[in-house]
Amino acid sequence: MSIGNTLRLLTKATGLSVTDLATAIPRAGVNTVSAWLKDEKMPGRDQIDALARTFGVPAGALLSELASTLDPARTKGEHELLASYRALNSKQQGALLEVARSMAAGVRDEDEAPARPARKRNAAKRAKRA
């Protein structure tokens, strides 16, 4: 979840308005807070701390998703897969997970299957050609 989504959820849960947040956060006007909620801008460090105090949550909770998306252990493909997954509805996400699980199981099965001797493979190829 993006920081904008997190802030929108917290705002809704606490009943705070954009104006309420703007007055509670240093150097943040209504337009700036609105931009944060729309993911158009990122709050600065001091503003993150003030947001966390205002909502009564740890600052890390506001940034956890951002930190995970910047995880250097993830490949570009993993980032793209995660972004695509998040764009799906819950039914589509479930279907995608089933496909991924079955593909992963197939890879494990192939890794565990004993290799056929080369002689039998070559004989099978010759039989197909004939």
C-alpha atoms as a PDB file:
ATOM      1  CA  MET A   1       0.000   0.000   0.000  1.00  0.00           C
ATOM      2  CA  SER A   2       1.340   3.412  -0.897  1.00  0.00           C
ATOM      3  CA  ILE A   3       1.839   6.125   1.674  1.00  0.00           C
ATOM      4  CA  GLY A   4      -1.107   7.983   0.117  1.00  0.00           C
ATOM      5  CA  ASN A   5      -3.371   4.962   0.625  1.00  0.00           C
ATOM      6  CA  THR A   6      -2.108   4.565   4.185  1.00  0.00           C
ATOM      7  CA  LEU A   7      -2.760   8.229   4.930  1.00  0.00           C
ATOM      8  CA  ARG A   8      -6.237   8.070   3.368  1.00  0.00           C
ATOM      9  CA  LEU A   9      -7.134   5.038   5.501  1.00  0.00           C
ATOM     10  CA  LEU A  10      -5.799   6.650   8.670  1.00  0.00           C
ATOM     11  CA  THR A  11      -7.589   9.892   7.893  1.00  0.00           C
ATOM     12  CA  LYS A  12     -10.853   8.047   7.409  1.00  0.00           C
ATOM     13  CA  ALA A  13     -10.352   5.913  10.533  1.00  0.00           C
ATOM     14  CA  THR A  14      -9.582   8.911  12.747  1.00  0.00           C
ATOM     15  CA  GLY A  15     -12.138  11.242  11.199  1.00  0.00           C
ATOM     16  CA  LEU A  16      -9.503  13.898  10.562  1.00  0.00           C
ATOM     17  CA  SER A  17      -9.954  16.203   7.597  1.00  0.00           C
ATOM     18  CA  VAL A  18      -7.276  17.449   5.227  1.00  0.00           C
ATOM     19  CA  THR A  19      -7.462  20.791   7.046  1.00  0.00           C
ATOM     20  CA  ASP A  20      -6.984  19.059  10.410  1.00  0.00           C
ATOM     21  CA  LEU A  21      -3.842  17.367   9.104  1.00  0.00           C
ATOM     22  CA  ALA A  22      -2.533  20.549   7.514  1.00  0.00           C
ATOM     23  CA  THR A  23      -2.760  22.392  10.832  1.00  0.00           C
ATOM     24  CA  ALA A  24      -1.087  19.517  12.734  1.00  0.00           C
ATOM     25  CA  ILE A  25       1.873  19.102  10.373  1.00  0.00           C
ATOM     26  CA  PRO A  26       4.697  21.660  10.142  1.00  0.00           C
ATOM     27  CA  ARG A  27       5.195  23.315   6.761  1.00  0.00           C
ATOM     28  CA  ALA A  28       2.144  21.590   5.284  1.00  0.00           C
ATOM     29  CA  GLY A  29      -0.783  23.398   3.801  1.00  0.00           C
ATOM     30  CA  VAL A  30      -4.027  21.889   2.591  1.00  0.00           C
ATOM     31  CA  ASN A  31      -2.673  21.568  -0.969  1.00  0.00           C
ATOM     32  CA  THR A  32       0.418  19.721   0.246  1.00  0.00           C
ATOM     33  CA  VAL A  33      -1.580  17.293   2.393  1.00  0.00           C
ATOM     34  CA  SER A  34      -3.952  16.704  -0.524  1.00  0.00           C
ATOM     35  CA  ALA A  35      -0.952  15.895  -2.736  1.00  0.00           C
ATOM     36  CA  TRP A  36       0.278  13.359  -0.156  1.00  0.00           C
ATOM     37  CA  LEU A  37      -3.129  11.692  -0.083  1.00  0.00           C
ATOM     38  CA  LYS A  38      -3.072  11.452  -3.888  1.00  0.00           C
ATOM     39  CA  ASP A  39       0.510  10.092  -3.931  1.00  0.00           C
ATOM     40  CA  GLU A  40       1.623  13.127  -5.907  1.00  0.00           C
ATOM     41  CA  LYS A  41       4.184  14.141  -3.275  1.00  0.00           C
ATOM     42  CA  MET A  42       6.020  12.524  -0.383  1.00  0.00           C
ATOM     43  CA  PRO A  43       6.129  14.087   3.058  1.00  0.00           C
ATOM     44  CA  GLY A  44       9.567  14.903   4.433  1.00  0.00           C
ATOM     45  CA  ARG A  45      11.137  13.258   7.466  1.00  0.00           C
ATOM     46  CA  ASP A  46       9.834  15.799   9.989  1.00  0.00           C
ATOM     47  CA  GLN A  47       6.412  15.637   8.384  1.00  0.00           C
ATOM     48  CA  ILE A  48       6.389  11.821   8.574  1.00  0.00           C
ATOM     49  CA  ASP A  49       7.189  12.048  12.272  1.00  0.00           C
ATOM     50  CA  ALA A  50       4.401  14.595  12.783  1.00  0.00           C
ATOM     51  CA  LEU A  51       1.937  12.444  10.812  1.00  0.00           C
ATOM     52  CA  ALA A  52       2.849   9.427  12.911  1.00  0.00           C
ATOM     53  CA  ARG A  53       2.274  11.404  16.134  1.00  0.00           C
ATOM     54  CA  THR A  54      -1.007  12.767  14.813  1.00  0.00           C
ATOM     55  CA  PHE A  55      -2.317   9.307  13.925  1.00  0.00           C
ATOM     56  CA  GLY A  56      -0.726   7.617  16.920  1.00  0.00           C
ATOM     57  CA  VAL A  57       1.231   5.099  14.856  1.00  0.00           C
ATOM     58  CA  PRO A  58       4.965   4.398  14.467  1.00  0.00           C
ATOM     59  CA  ALA A  59       6.610   6.359  11.660  1.00  0.00           C
ATOM     60  CA  GLY A  60       7.842   3.063  10.222  1.00  0.00           C
ATOM     61  CA  ALA A  61       4.244   1.960   9.720  1.00  0.00           C
ATOM     62  CA  LEU A  62       3.731   4.867   7.332  1.00  0.00           C
ATOM     63  CA  LEU A  63       6.850   3.970   5.350  1.00  0.00           C
ATOM     64  CA  SER A  64       6.868   0.168   5.532  1.00  0.00           C
ATOM     65  CA  GLU A  65       5.418  -0.334   2.066  1.00  0.00           C
ATOM     66  CA  LEU A  66       7.808   2.187   0.555  1.00  0.00           C
ATOM     67  CA  ALA A  67      10.726   0.408   2.174  1.00  0.00           C
ATOM     68  CA  SER A  68       9.564  -2.986   0.925  1.00  0.00           C
ATOM     69  CA  THR A  69       9.168  -1.730  -2.644  1.00  0.00           C
ATOM     70  CA  LEU A  70      12.768  -0.519  -2.555  1.00  0.00           C
ATOM     71  CA  ASP A  71      14.040  -3.909  -1.336  1.00  0.00           C
ATOM     72  CA  PRO A  72      17.270  -4.477  -3.297  1.00  0.00           C
ATOM     73  CA  ALA A  73      16.812  -8.248  -2.979  1.00  0.00           C
ATOM     74  CA  ARG A  74      13.804  -8.084  -5.316  1.00  0.00           C
ATOM     75  CA  THR A  75      14.400  -8.236  -9.035  1.00  0.00           C
ATOM     76  CA  LYS A  76      12.759  -5.860 -11.488  1.00  0.00           C
ATOM     77  CA  GLY A  77      10.432  -8.695 -12.506  1.00  0.00           C
ATOM     78  CA  GLU A  78       9.364  -9.219  -8.886  1.00  0.00           C
ATOM     79  CA  HIS A  79       8.544  -5.518  -8.538  1.00  0.00           C
ATOM     80  CA  GLU A  80       6.528  -5.637 -11.784  1.00  0.00           C
ATOM     81  CA  LEU A  81       4.738  -8.809 -10.707  1.00  0.00           C
ATOM     82  CA  LEU A  82       3.829  -7.290  -7.348  1.00  0.00           C
ATOM     83  CA  ALA A  83       2.557  -4.087  -8.963  1.00  0.00           C
ATOM     84  CA  SER A  84       0.488  -6.097 -11.456  1.00  0.00           C
ATOM     85  CA  TYR A  85      -0.896  -8.317  -8.693  1.00  0.00           C
ATOM     86  CA  ARG A  86      -1.997  -5.285  -6.700  1.00  0.00           C
ATOM     87  CA  ALA A  87      -3.844  -3.893  -9.709  1.00  0.00           C
ATOM     88  CA  LEU A  88      -6.078  -7.002  -9.859  1.00  0.00           C
ATOM     89  CA  ASN A  89      -9.330  -7.549  -8.007  1.00  0.00           C
ATOM     90  CA  SER A  90      -9.408 -10.213  -5.272  1.00  0.00           C
ATOM     91  CA  LYS A  91     -10.849 -12.909  -7.560  1.00  0.00           C
ATOM     92  CA  GLN A  92      -8.125 -12.293 -10.141  1.00  0.00           C
ATOM     93  CA  GLN A  93      -5.464 -12.293  -7.410  1.00  0.00           C
ATOM     94  CA  GLY A  94      -6.701 -15.694  -6.226  1.00  0.00           C
ATOM     95  CA  ALA A  95      -6.593 -17.094  -9.765  1.00  0.00           C
ATOM     96  CA  LEU A  96      -3.083 -15.746 -10.296  1.00  0.00           C
ATOM     97  CA  LEU A  97      -1.909 -17.303  -7.036  1.00  0.00           C
ATOM     98  CA  GLU A  98      -3.324 -20.687  -8.101  1.00  0.00           C
ATOM     99  CA  VAL A  99      -1.481 -20.494 -11.426  1.00  0.00           C
ATOM    100  CA  ALA A 100       1.760 -19.486  -9.694  1.00  0.00           C
ATOM    101  CA  ARG A 101       1.442 -22.304  -7.152  1.00  0.00           C
ATOM    102  CA  SER A 102       0.810 -24.906  -9.834  1.00  0.00           C
ATOM    103  CA  MET A 103       3.755 -23.623 -11.870  1.00  0.00           C
ATOM    104  CA  ALA A 104       6.021 -23.729  -8.806  1.00  0.00           C
ATOM    105  CA  ALA A 105       4.858 -27.274  -8.032  1.00  0.00           C
ATOM    106  CA  GLY A 106       5.620 -28.276 -11.632  1.00  0.00           C
ATOM    107  CA  VAL A 107       9.154 -26.915 -11.337  1.00  0.00           C
ATOM    108  CA  ARG A 108       9.690 -28.843  -8.100  1.00  0.00           C
ATOM    109  CA  ASP A 109       8.369 -32.028  -9.724  1.00  0.00           C
ATOM    110  CA  GLU A 110      10.762 -31.622 -12.663  1.00  0.00           C
ATOM    111  CA  ASP A 111      13.687 -31.065 -10.303  1.00  0.00           C
ATOM    112  CA  GLU A 112      12.832 -34.227  -8.361  1.00  0.00           C
ATOM    113  CA  ALA A 113      12.149 -36.479 -11.369  1.00  0.00           C
ATOM    114  CA  PRO A 114      15.002 -38.893 -12.139  1.00  0.00           C
ATOM    115  CA  ALA A 115      16.759 -38.181 -15.392  1.00  0.00           C
ATOM    116  CA  ARG A 116      16.217 -40.742 -18.125  1.00  0.00           C
ATOM    117  CA  PRO A 117      19.390 -42.354 -19.383  1.00  0.00           C
ATOM    118  CA  ALA A 118      20.690 -40.807 -22.602  1.00  0.00           C
ATOM    119  CA  ARG A 119      20.356 -44.103 -24.483  1.00  0.00           C
ATOM    120  CA  LYS A 120      16.617 -44.289 -23.801  1.00  0.00           C
ATOM    121  CA  ARG A 121      16.112 -40.625 -24.733  1.00  0.00           C
ATOM    122  CA  ASN A 122      17.988 -41.083 -28.014  1.00  0.00           C
ATOM    123  CA  ALA A 123      16.012 -44.250 -28.796  1.00  0.00           C
ATOM    124  CA  ALA A 124      12.772 -42.369 -28.132  1.00  0.00           C
ATOM    125  CA  LYS A 125      13.860 -39.566 -30.475  1.00  0.00           C
ATOM    126  CA  ARG A 126      14.733 -42.058 -33.227  1.00  0.00           C
ATOM    127  CA  ALA A 127      11.386 -43.786 -32.844  1.00  0.00           C
ATOM    128  CA  LYS A 128       9.552 -40.461 -33.229  1.00  0.00           C
ATOM    129  CA  ARG A 129      11.454 -39.653 -36.442  1.00  0.00           C
ATOM    130  CA  ALA A 130      10.676 -43.016 -38.025  1.00  0.00           C
END
